[in-house]
Amino acid sequence: MEAHHNDIGTILRLTVRRQDGNVESGLGLATNLYIYLTPPSGVDKTKAAVLSSNGSDGKMQYVTVNGDLDETGSWQIQGYIKFSNSQIFKTSVRQFNVLANLVP
């Protein structure tokens, strides 16, 4: 995933997998989807996520808005999924870089 400082409209997409490594195909039944972002400063951001399809592919996403990618450097991202039966899944923590721009 590539992103630049202050990008708007960047799709941050995660695939939710079960502990056995298989895709969580029942993601469409989730009641809450969030993506947690941690910039280099360490101040967490919680973003409401949506399914990128019907949920059978296990993919969830968030599209950045103004002010989201406000720091350059190494960021962390993690998905949080809750089902109506109180079952909760979290994705593996991944890292991505927010790159500087030549022009503001």
PDB file of N, CA and C in Angstrom:
ATOM      1  N   MET A   1       0.844  -1.160   0.000  1.00  0.00           N
ATOM      2  CA  MET A   1       0.000   0.000   0.000  1.00  0.00           C
ATOM      3  C   MET A   1       0.898   1.233   0.000  1.00  0.00           C
ATOM      4  N   GLU A   2       0.595   2.180  -0.866  1.00  0.00           N
ATOM      5  CA  GLU A   2       1.363   3.418  -0.928  1.00  0.00           C
ATOM      6  C   GLU A   2       0.443   4.591  -0.665  1.00  0.00           C
ATOM      7  N   ALA A   3       0.898   5.495   0.153  1.00  0.00           N
ATOM      8  CA  ALA A   3       0.128   6.689   0.465  1.00  0.00           C
ATOM      9  C   ALA A   3       1.082   7.865   0.588  1.00  0.00           C
ATOM     10  N   HIS A   4       0.549   9.045   0.399  1.00  0.00           N
ATOM     11  CA  HIS A   4       1.339  10.268   0.514  1.00  0.00           C
ATOM     12  C   HIS A   4       0.701  11.204   1.529  1.00  0.00           C
ATOM     13  N   HIS A   5       1.527  12.064   2.092  1.00  0.00           N
ATOM     14  CA  HIS A   5       1.084  13.023   3.091  1.00  0.00           C
ATOM     15  C   HIS A   5      -0.135  13.797   2.587  1.00  0.00           C
ATOM     16  N   ASN A   6      -1.188  13.809   3.396  1.00  0.00           N
ATOM     17  CA  ASN A   6      -2.444  14.514   3.125  1.00  0.00           C
ATOM     18  C   ASN A   6      -3.224  13.983   1.925  1.00  0.00           C
ATOM     19  N   ASP A   7      -2.937  12.762   1.471  1.00  0.00           N
ATOM     20  CA  ASP A   7      -3.753  12.162   0.410  1.00  0.00           C
ATOM     21  C   ASP A   7      -5.206  12.061   0.862  1.00  0.00           C
ATOM     22  N   ILE A   8      -6.099  12.302  -0.052  1.00  0.00           N
ATOM     23  CA  ILE A   8      -7.533  12.134   0.167  1.00  0.00           C
ATOM     24  C   ILE A   8      -8.019  11.118  -0.851  1.00  0.00           C
ATOM     25  N   GLY A   9      -8.790  10.138  -0.414  1.00  0.00           N
ATOM     26  CA  GLY A   9      -9.319   9.133  -1.332  1.00  0.00           C
ATOM     27  C   GLY A   9      -8.478   7.876  -1.451  1.00  0.00           C
ATOM     28  N   THR A  10      -7.444   7.739  -0.632  1.00  0.00           N
ATOM     29  CA  THR A  10      -6.640   6.525  -0.631  1.00  0.00           C
ATOM     30  C   THR A  10      -7.432   5.403   0.035  1.00  0.00           C
ATOM     31  N   ILE A  11      -7.518   4.266  -0.627  1.00  0.00           N
ATOM     32  CA  ILE A  11      -8.252   3.128  -0.085  1.00  0.00           C
ATOM     33  C   ILE A  11      -7.309   2.293   0.780  1.00  0.00           C
ATOM     34  N   LEU A  12      -7.644   2.179   2.046  1.00  0.00           N
ATOM     35  CA  LEU A  12      -6.900   1.324   2.977  1.00  0.00           C
ATOM     36  C   LEU A  12      -7.724   0.055   3.145  1.00  0.00           C
ATOM     37  N   ARG A  13      -7.252  -1.046   2.571  1.00  0.00           N
ATOM     38  CA  ARG A  13      -8.029  -2.294   2.529  1.00  0.00           C
ATOM     39  C   ARG A  13      -7.297  -3.394   3.281  1.00  0.00           C
ATOM     40  N   LEU A  14      -8.053  -4.129   4.084  1.00  0.00           N
ATOM     41  CA  LEU A  14      -7.523  -5.257   4.850  1.00  0.00           C
ATOM     42  C   LEU A  14      -8.317  -6.514   4.540  1.00  0.00           C
ATOM     43  N   THR A  15      -7.650  -7.651   4.611  1.00  0.00           N
ATOM     44  CA  THR A  15      -8.320  -8.940   4.482  1.00  0.00           C
ATOM     45  C   THR A  15      -8.344  -9.594   5.855  1.00  0.00           C
ATOM     46  N   VAL A  16      -9.547  -9.962   6.289  1.00  0.00           N
ATOM     47  CA  VAL A  16      -9.729 -10.584   7.602  1.00  0.00           C
ATOM     48  C   VAL A  16      -9.573 -12.091   7.443  1.00  0.00           C
ATOM     49  N   ARG A  17      -8.664 -12.662   8.229  1.00  0.00           N
ATOM     50  CA  ARG A  17      -8.414 -14.103   8.186  1.00  0.00           C
ATOM     51  C   ARG A  17      -8.653 -14.712   9.558  1.00  0.00           C
ATOM     52  N   ARG A  18      -9.130 -15.935   9.545  1.00  0.00           N
ATOM     53  CA  ARG A  18      -9.305 -16.688  10.788  1.00  0.00           C
ATOM     54  C   ARG A  18      -7.932 -17.179  11.264  1.00  0.00           C
ATOM     55  N   GLN A  19      -7.881 -17.739  12.449  1.00  0.00           N
ATOM     56  CA  GLN A  19      -6.607 -18.217  12.994  1.00  0.00           C
ATOM     57  C   GLN A  19      -5.982 -19.304  12.131  1.00  0.00           C
ATOM     58  N   ASP A  20      -6.808 -20.061  11.401  1.00  0.00           N
ATOM     59  CA  ASP A  20      -6.268 -21.115  10.545  1.00  0.00           C
ATOM     60  C   ASP A  20      -5.751 -20.577   9.213  1.00  0.00           C
ATOM     61  N   GLY A  21      -5.830 -19.255   9.017  1.00  0.00           N
ATOM     62  CA  GLY A  21      -5.325 -18.636   7.797  1.00  0.00           C
ATOM     63  C   GLY A  21      -6.354 -18.467   6.697  1.00  0.00           C
ATOM     64  N   ASN A  22      -7.516 -19.084   6.853  1.00  0.00           N
ATOM     65  CA  ASN A  22      -8.570 -18.947   5.848  1.00  0.00           C
ATOM     66  C   ASN A  22      -9.261 -17.595   5.975  1.00  0.00           C
ATOM     67  N   VAL A  23      -9.764 -17.112   4.840  1.00  0.00           N
ATOM     68  CA  VAL A  23     -10.481 -15.842   4.814  1.00  0.00           C
ATOM     69  C   VAL A  23     -11.774 -15.957   5.613  1.00  0.00           C
ATOM     70  N   GLU A  24     -12.109 -14.910   6.348  1.00  0.00           N
ATOM     71  CA  GLU A  24     -13.382 -14.855   7.092  1.00  0.00           C
ATOM     72  C   GLU A  24     -14.483 -14.535   6.081  1.00  0.00           C
ATOM     73  N   SER A  25     -15.147 -15.570   5.574  1.00  0.00           N
ATOM     74  CA  SER A  25     -16.142 -15.398   4.510  1.00  0.00           C
ATOM     75  C   SER A  25     -17.477 -14.874   5.019  1.00  0.00           C
ATOM     76  N   GLY A  26     -17.675 -14.839   6.323  1.00  0.00           N
ATOM     77  CA  GLY A  26     -18.922 -14.347   6.892  1.00  0.00           C
ATOM     78  C   GLY A  26     -18.854 -12.897   7.335  1.00  0.00           C
ATOM     79  N   LEU A  27     -17.940 -12.145   6.775  1.00  0.00           N
ATOM     80  CA  LEU A  27     -17.740 -10.759   7.187  1.00  0.00           C
ATOM     81  C   LEU A  27     -18.991  -9.912   6.969  1.00  0.00           C
ATOM     82  N   GLY A  28     -19.838 -10.310   6.030  1.00  0.00           N
ATOM     83  CA  GLY A  28     -21.071  -9.579   5.774  1.00  0.00           C
ATOM     84  C   GLY A  28     -22.030  -9.595   6.947  1.00  0.00           C
ATOM     85  N   LEU A  29     -21.817 -10.485   7.915  1.00  0.00           N
ATOM     86  CA  LEU A  29     -22.678 -10.584   9.094  1.00  0.00           C
ATOM     87  C   LEU A  29     -22.169  -9.735  10.266  1.00  0.00           C
ATOM     88  N   ALA A  30     -21.053  -9.073  10.072  1.00  0.00           N
ATOM     89  CA  ALA A  30     -20.476  -8.261  11.146  1.00  0.00           C
ATOM     90  C   ALA A  30     -21.370  -7.072  11.463  1.00  0.00           C
ATOM     91  N   THR A  31     -21.417  -6.710  12.741  1.00  0.00           N
ATOM     92  CA  THR A  31     -22.205  -5.555  13.166  1.00  0.00           C
ATOM     93  C   THR A  31     -21.363  -4.294  13.280  1.00  0.00           C
ATOM     94  N   ASN A  32     -20.056  -4.447  13.500  1.00  0.00           N
ATOM     95  CA  ASN A  32     -19.150  -3.314  13.604  1.00  0.00           C
ATOM     96  C   ASN A  32     -17.857  -3.616  12.871  1.00  0.00           C
ATOM     97  N   LEU A  33     -17.420  -2.676  12.061  1.00  0.00           N
ATOM     98  CA  LEU A  33     -16.139  -2.773  11.356  1.00  0.00           C
ATOM     99  C   LEU A  33     -15.377  -1.472  11.603  1.00  0.00           C
ATOM    100  N   TYR A  34     -14.161  -1.596  12.099  1.00  0.00           N
ATOM    101  CA  TYR A  34     -13.321  -0.421  12.310  1.00  0.00           C
ATOM    102  C   TYR A  34     -11.921  -0.702  11.792  1.00  0.00           C
ATOM    103  N   ILE A  35     -11.254   0.365  11.411  1.00  0.00           N
ATOM    104  CA  ILE A  35      -9.835   0.298  11.090  1.00  0.00           C
ATOM    105  C   ILE A  35      -9.125   1.259  12.026  1.00  0.00           C
ATOM    106  N   TYR A  36      -8.143   0.721  12.735  1.00  0.00           N
ATOM    107  CA  TYR A  36      -7.324   1.529  13.625  1.00  0.00           C
ATOM    108  C   TYR A  36      -6.048   1.926  12.889  1.00  0.00           C
ATOM    109  N   LEU A  37      -5.726   3.194  12.944  1.00  0.00           N
ATOM    110  CA  LEU A  37      -4.506   3.717  12.332  1.00  0.00           C
ATOM    111  C   LEU A  37      -3.642   4.330  13.422  1.00  0.00           C
ATOM    112  N   THR A  38      -2.364   4.006  13.409  1.00  0.00           N
ATOM    113  CA  THR A  38      -1.428   4.613  14.351  1.00  0.00           C
ATOM    114  C   THR A  38      -0.312   5.274  13.553  1.00  0.00           C
ATOM    115  N   PRO A  39      -0.264   6.610  13.557  1.00  0.00           N
ATOM    116  CA  PRO A  39       0.801   7.330  12.866  1.00  0.00           C
ATOM    117  C   PRO A  39       2.093   7.294  13.689  1.00  0.00           C
ATOM    118  N   PRO A  40       3.172   7.829  13.150  1.00  0.00           N
ATOM    119  CA  PRO A  40       4.445   7.820  13.878  1.00  0.00           C
ATOM    120  C   PRO A  40       4.373   8.469  15.264  1.00  0.00           C
ATOM    121  N   SER A  41       3.501   9.459  15.453  1.00  0.00           N
ATOM    122  CA  SER A  41       3.395  10.127  16.758  1.00  0.00           C
ATOM    123  C   SER A  41       2.764   9.228  17.812  1.00  0.00           C
ATOM    124  N   GLY A  42       2.103   8.133  17.373  1.00  0.00           N
ATOM    125  CA  GLY A  42       1.507   7.196  18.309  1.00  0.00           C
ATOM    126  C   GLY A  42       0.094   7.539  18.746  1.00  0.00           C
ATOM    127  N   VAL A  43      -0.507   8.588  18.201  1.00  0.00           N
ATOM    128  CA  VAL A  43      -1.866   8.984  18.568  1.00  0.00           C
ATOM    129  C   VAL A  43      -2.843   8.229  17.661  1.00  0.00           C
ATOM    130  N   ASP A  44      -3.508   7.233  18.223  1.00  0.00           N
ATOM    131  CA  ASP A  44      -4.387   6.355  17.433  1.00  0.00           C
ATOM    132  C   ASP A  44      -5.571   7.094  16.828  1.00  0.00           C
ATOM    133  N   LYS A  45      -5.972   6.611  15.649  1.00  0.00           N
ATOM    134  CA  LYS A  45      -7.163   7.110  14.966  1.00  0.00           C
ATOM    135  C   LYS A  45      -8.059   5.904  14.702  1.00  0.00           C
ATOM    136  N   THR A  46      -9.332   6.014  15.040  1.00  0.00           N
ATOM    137  CA  THR A  46     -10.300   4.951  14.807  1.00  0.00           C
ATOM    138  C   THR A  46     -11.233   5.390  13.695  1.00  0.00           C
ATOM    139  N   LYS A  47     -11.352   4.570  12.655  1.00  0.00           N
ATOM    140  CA  LYS A  47     -12.158   4.910  11.487  1.00  0.00           C
ATOM    141  C   LYS A  47     -13.191   3.822  11.241  1.00  0.00           C
ATOM    142  N   ALA A  48     -14.425   4.222  11.009  1.00  0.00           N
ATOM    143  CA  ALA A  48     -15.472   3.267  10.650  1.00  0.00           C
ATOM    144  C   ALA A  48     -15.159   2.718   9.259  1.00  0.00           C
ATOM    145  N   ALA A  49     -15.157   1.417   9.142  1.00  0.00           N
ATOM    146  CA  ALA A  49     -14.843   0.765   7.870  1.00  0.00           C
ATOM    147  C   ALA A  49     -16.117   0.206   7.245  1.00  0.00           C
ATOM    148  N   VAL A  50     -15.998  -0.168   5.981  1.00  0.00           N
ATOM    149  CA  VAL A  50     -17.102  -0.791   5.247  1.00  0.00           C
ATOM    150  C   VAL A  50     -16.566  -2.027   4.544  1.00  0.00           C
ATOM    151  N   LEU A  51     -17.469  -2.859   4.092  1.00  0.00           N
ATOM    152  CA  LEU A  51     -17.076  -4.012   3.279  1.00  0.00           C
ATOM    153  C   LEU A  51     -16.679  -3.513   1.901  1.00  0.00           C
ATOM    154  N   SER A  52     -15.717  -4.163   1.272  1.00  0.00           N
ATOM    155  CA  SER A  52     -15.350  -3.770  -0.091  1.00  0.00           C
ATOM    156  C   SER A  52     -16.169  -4.529  -1.124  1.00  0.00           C
ATOM    157  N   SER A  53     -16.938  -5.542  -0.676  1.00  0.00           N
ATOM    158  CA  SER A  53     -17.862  -6.286  -1.545  1.00  0.00           C
ATOM    159  C   SER A  53     -19.002  -6.764  -0.648  1.00  0.00           C
ATOM    160  N   ASN A  54     -19.431  -7.987  -0.817  1.00  0.00           N
ATOM    161  CA  ASN A  54     -20.506  -8.521   0.037  1.00  0.00           C
ATOM    162  C   ASN A  54     -19.985  -9.161   1.326  1.00  0.00           C
ATOM    163  N   GLY A  55     -18.678  -9.168   1.517  1.00  0.00           N
ATOM    164  CA  GLY A  55     -18.083  -9.715   2.726  1.00  0.00           C
ATOM    165  C   GLY A  55     -17.568 -11.132   2.595  1.00  0.00           C
ATOM    166  N   SER A  56     -17.948 -11.831   1.536  1.00  0.00           N
ATOM    167  CA  SER A  56     -17.505 -13.224   1.390  1.00  0.00           C
ATOM    168  C   SER A  56     -16.013 -13.339   1.090  1.00  0.00           C
ATOM    169  N   ASP A  57     -15.399 -12.239   0.623  1.00  0.00           N
ATOM    170  CA  ASP A  57     -13.960 -12.252   0.341  1.00  0.00           C
ATOM    171  C   ASP A  57     -13.130 -11.833   1.548  1.00  0.00           C
ATOM    172  N   GLY A  58     -13.803 -11.481   2.661  1.00  0.00           N
ATOM    173  CA  GLY A  58     -13.097 -11.101   3.879  1.00  0.00           C
ATOM    174  C   GLY A  58     -12.457  -9.732   3.840  1.00  0.00           C
ATOM    175  N   LYS A  59     -12.814  -8.904   2.875  1.00  0.00           N
ATOM    176  CA  LYS A  59     -12.154  -7.606   2.721  1.00  0.00           C
ATOM    177  C   LYS A  59     -12.999  -6.465   3.286  1.00  0.00           C
ATOM    178  N   MET A  60     -12.318  -5.606   4.035  1.00  0.00           N
ATOM    179  CA  MET A  60     -12.926  -4.396   4.575  1.00  0.00           C
ATOM    180  C   MET A  60     -12.028  -3.229   4.217  1.00  0.00           C
ATOM    181  N   GLN A  61     -12.591  -2.020   4.195  1.00  0.00           N
ATOM    182  CA  GLN A  61     -11.784  -0.887   3.772  1.00  0.00           C
ATOM    183  C   GLN A  61     -12.251   0.414   4.394  1.00  0.00           C
ATOM    184  N   TYR A  62     -11.360   1.383   4.304  1.00  0.00           N
ATOM    185  CA  TYR A  62     -11.644   2.755   4.693  1.00  0.00           C
ATOM    186  C   TYR A  62     -11.012   3.638   3.630  1.00  0.00           C
ATOM    187  N   VAL A  63     -11.710   4.707   3.243  1.00  0.00           N
ATOM    188  CA  VAL A  63     -11.190   5.651   2.261  1.00  0.00           C
ATOM    189  C   VAL A  63     -10.822   6.939   3.002  1.00  0.00           C
ATOM    190  N   THR A  64      -9.580   7.353   2.869  1.00  0.00           N
ATOM    191  CA  THR A  64      -9.088   8.500   3.628  1.00  0.00           C
ATOM    192  C   THR A  64      -9.784   9.798   3.227  1.00  0.00           C
ATOM    193  N   VAL A  65      -9.929  10.663   4.235  1.00  0.00           N
ATOM    194  CA  VAL A  65     -10.477  12.004   4.034  1.00  0.00           C
ATOM    195  C   VAL A  65      -9.435  13.017   4.489  1.00  0.00           C
ATOM    196  N   ASN A  66      -9.738  14.272   4.293  1.00  0.00           N
ATOM    197  CA  ASN A  66      -8.832  15.350   4.669  1.00  0.00           C
ATOM    198  C   ASN A  66      -8.452  15.235   6.143  1.00  0.00           C
ATOM    199  N   GLY A  67      -7.159  15.287   6.435  1.00  0.00           N
ATOM    200  CA  GLY A  67      -6.670  15.243   7.804  1.00  0.00           C
ATOM    201  C   GLY A  67      -6.281  13.864   8.308  1.00  0.00           C
ATOM    202  N   ASP A  68      -6.606  12.804   7.558  1.00  0.00           N
ATOM    203  CA  ASP A  68      -6.277  11.453   8.022  1.00  0.00           C
ATOM    204  C   ASP A  68      -4.776  11.179   7.978  1.00  0.00           C
ATOM    205  N   LEU A  69      -4.175  11.362   6.834  1.00  0.00           N
ATOM    206  CA  LEU A  69      -2.750  11.028   6.649  1.00  0.00           C
ATOM    207  C   LEU A  69      -1.909  12.286   6.859  1.00  0.00           C
ATOM    208  N   ASP A  70      -1.909  12.748   8.098  1.00  0.00           N
ATOM    209  CA  ASP A  70      -1.322  14.037   8.426  1.00  0.00           C
ATOM    210  C   ASP A  70       0.125  13.986   8.899  1.00  0.00           C
ATOM    211  N   GLU A  71       0.733  12.819   8.853  1.00  0.00           N
ATOM    212  CA  GLU A  71       2.137  12.669   9.236  1.00  0.00           C
ATOM    213  C   GLU A  71       2.846  11.780   8.228  1.00  0.00           C
ATOM    214  N   THR A  72       4.091  12.103   7.934  1.00  0.00           N
ATOM    215  CA  THR A  72       4.901  11.220   7.096  1.00  0.00           C
ATOM    216  C   THR A  72       5.591  10.207   7.995  1.00  0.00           C
ATOM    217  N   GLY A  73       5.939   9.075   7.406  1.00  0.00           N
ATOM    218  CA  GLY A  73       6.653   8.053   8.158  1.00  0.00           C
ATOM    219  C   GLY A  73       5.913   6.737   8.185  1.00  0.00           C
ATOM    220  N   SER A  74       6.326   5.874   9.095  1.00  0.00           N
ATOM    221  CA  SER A  74       5.794   4.522   9.209  1.00  0.00           C
ATOM    222  C   SER A  74       4.533   4.507  10.077  1.00  0.00           C
ATOM    223  N   TRP A  75       3.441   4.033   9.495  1.00  0.00           N
ATOM    224  CA  TRP A  75       2.146   3.918  10.180  1.00  0.00           C
ATOM    225  C   TRP A  75       1.835   2.450  10.417  1.00  0.00           C
ATOM    226  N   GLN A  76       0.930   2.203  11.378  1.00  0.00           N
ATOM    227  CA  GLN A  76       0.406   0.863  11.602  1.00  0.00           C
ATOM    228  C   GLN A  76      -1.095   0.881  11.341  1.00  0.00           C
ATOM    229  N   ILE A  77      -1.614  -0.270  10.885  1.00  0.00           N
ATOM    230  CA  ILE A  77      -3.030  -0.407  10.586  1.00  0.00           C
ATOM    231  C   ILE A  77      -3.505  -1.769  11.101  1.00  0.00           C
ATOM    232  N   GLN A  78      -4.716  -1.783  11.674  1.00  0.00           N
ATOM    233  CA  GLN A  78      -5.301  -3.030  12.159  1.00  0.00           C
ATOM    234  C   GLN A  78      -6.821  -2.940  12.033  1.00  0.00           C
ATOM    235  N   GLY A  79      -7.428  -4.043  11.620  1.00  0.00           N
ATOM    236  CA  GLY A  79      -8.873  -4.116  11.526  1.00  0.00           C
ATOM    237  C   GLY A  79      -9.487  -4.703  12.785  1.00  0.00           C
ATOM    238  N   TYR A  80     -10.701  -4.245  13.096  1.00  0.00           N
ATOM    239  CA  TYR A  80     -11.465  -4.717  14.254  1.00  0.00           C
ATOM    240  C   TYR A  80     -12.859  -5.068  13.752  1.00  0.00           C
ATOM    241  N   ILE A  81     -13.319  -6.272  14.051  1.00  0.00           N
ATOM    242  CA  ILE A  81     -14.601  -6.768  13.554  1.00  0.00           C
ATOM    243  C   ILE A  81     -15.368  -7.367  14.718  1.00  0.00           C
ATOM    244  N   LYS A  82     -16.624  -6.947  14.878  1.00  0.00           N
ATOM    245  CA  LYS A  82     -17.475  -7.498  15.927  1.00  0.00           C
ATOM    246  C   LYS A  82     -18.755  -8.037  15.296  1.00  0.00           C
ATOM    247  N   PHE A  83     -19.163  -9.216  15.752  1.00  0.00           N
ATOM    248  CA  PHE A  83     -20.391  -9.846  15.291  1.00  0.00           C
ATOM    249  C   PHE A  83     -21.464  -9.723  16.373  1.00  0.00           C
ATOM    250  N   SER A  84     -22.714  -9.927  16.010  1.00  0.00           N
ATOM    251  CA  SER A  84     -23.830  -9.773  16.946  1.00  0.00           C
ATOM    252  C   SER A  84     -23.760 -10.748  18.127  1.00  0.00           C
ATOM    253  N   ASN A  85     -23.064 -11.864  17.971  1.00  0.00           N
ATOM    254  CA  ASN A  85     -22.923 -12.830  19.074  1.00  0.00           C
ATOM    255  C   ASN A  85     -21.746 -12.477  19.988  1.00  0.00           C
ATOM    256  N   SER A  86     -21.267 -11.256  19.885  1.00  0.00           N
ATOM    257  CA  SER A  86     -20.151 -10.721  20.682  1.00  0.00           C
ATOM    258  C   SER A  86     -18.798 -11.303  20.294  1.00  0.00           C
ATOM    259  N   GLN A  87     -18.748 -12.080  19.224  1.00  0.00           N
ATOM    260  CA  GLN A  87     -17.470 -12.593  18.734  1.00  0.00           C
ATOM    261  C   GLN A  87     -16.703 -11.426  18.114  1.00  0.00           C
ATOM    262  N   ILE A  88     -15.418 -11.323  18.439  1.00  0.00           N
ATOM    263  CA  ILE A  88     -14.586 -10.224  17.961  1.00  0.00           C
ATOM    264  C   ILE A  88     -13.353 -10.793  17.270  1.00  0.00           C
ATOM    265  N   PHE A  89     -13.028 -10.216  16.123  1.00  0.00           N
ATOM    266  CA  PHE A  89     -11.807 -10.555  15.398  1.00  0.00           C
ATOM    267  C   PHE A  89     -10.978  -9.288  15.246  1.00  0.00           C
ATOM    268  N   LYS A  90      -9.682  -9.453  15.257  1.00  0.00           N
ATOM    269  CA  LYS A  90      -8.765  -8.370  14.921  1.00  0.00           C
ATOM    270  C   LYS A  90      -7.793  -8.914  13.894  1.00  0.00           C
ATOM    271  N   THR A  91      -7.469  -8.102  12.919  1.00  0.00           N
ATOM    272  CA  THR A  91      -6.511  -8.529  11.912  1.00  0.00           C
ATOM    273  C   THR A  91      -5.099  -8.400  12.459  1.00  0.00           C
ATOM    274  N   SER A  92      -4.165  -8.952  11.751  1.00  0.00           N
ATOM    275  CA  SER A  92      -2.759  -8.732  12.080  1.00  0.00           C
ATOM    276  C   SER A  92      -2.447  -7.253  11.886  1.00  0.00           C
ATOM    277  N   VAL A  93      -1.525  -6.766  12.665  1.00  0.00           N
ATOM    278  CA  VAL A  93      -1.072  -5.386  12.513  1.00  0.00           C
ATOM    279  C   VAL A  93      -0.127  -5.345  11.313  1.00  0.00           C
ATOM    280  N   ARG A  94      -0.395  -4.415  10.424  1.00  0.00           N
ATOM    281  CA  ARG A  94       0.465  -4.220   9.249  1.00  0.00           C
ATOM    282  C   ARG A  94       1.058  -2.826   9.301  1.00  0.00           C
ATOM    283  N   GLN A  95       2.130  -2.651   8.575  1.00  0.00           N
ATOM    284  CA  GLN A  95       2.760  -1.333   8.490  1.00  0.00           C
ATOM    285  C   GLN A  95       2.686  -0.828   7.064  1.00  0.00           C
ATOM    286  N   PHE A  96       2.584   0.476   6.937  1.00  0.00           N
ATOM    287  CA  PHE A  96       2.673   1.117   5.624  1.00  0.00           C
ATOM    288  C   PHE A  96       3.306   2.485   5.810  1.00  0.00           C
ATOM    289  N   ASN A  97       3.857   3.004   4.746  1.00  0.00           N
ATOM    290  CA  ASN A  97       4.532   4.292   4.816  1.00  0.00           C
ATOM    291  C   ASN A  97       3.692   5.386   4.187  1.00  0.00           C
ATOM    292  N   VAL A  98       3.683   6.524   4.841  1.00  0.00           N
ATOM    293  CA  VAL A  98       3.103   7.739   4.261  1.00  0.00           C
ATOM    294  C   VAL A  98       4.297   8.560   3.823  1.00  0.00           C
ATOM    295  N   LEU A  99       4.371   8.768   2.530  1.00  0.00           N
ATOM    296  CA  LEU A  99       5.531   9.426   1.925  1.00  0.00           C
ATOM    297  C   LEU A  99       5.339  10.929   1.822  1.00  0.00           C
ATOM    298  N   ALA A 100       6.442  11.656   1.843  1.00  0.00           N
ATOM    299  CA  ALA A 100       6.413  13.105   1.695  1.00  0.00           C
ATOM    300  C   ALA A 100       6.135  13.476   0.243  1.00  0.00           C
ATOM    301  N   ASN A 101       5.709  14.700   0.021  1.00  0.00           N
ATOM    302  CA  ASN A 101       5.464  15.236  -1.317  1.00  0.00           C
ATOM    303  C   ASN A 101       6.509  16.287  -1.651  1.00  0.00           C
ATOM    304  N   LEU A 102       6.764  16.477  -2.937  1.00  0.00           N
ATOM    305  CA  LEU A 102       7.658  17.563  -3.362  1.00  0.00           C
ATOM    306  C   LEU A 102       6.967  18.910  -3.296  1.00  0.00           C
ATOM    307  N   VAL A 103       5.664  18.893  -3.515  1.00  0.00           N
ATOM    308  CA  VAL A 103       4.889  20.131  -3.465  1.00  0.00           C
ATOM    309  C   VAL A 103       3.813  19.995  -2.388  1.00  0.00           C
ATOM    310  N   PRO A 104       3.449  21.079  -1.743  1.00  0.00           N
ATOM    311  CA  PRO A 104       2.450  21.000  -0.669  1.00  0.00           C
ATOM    312  C   PRO A 104       1.059  20.628  -1.178  1.00  0.00           C
TER     313      PRO A 104
END
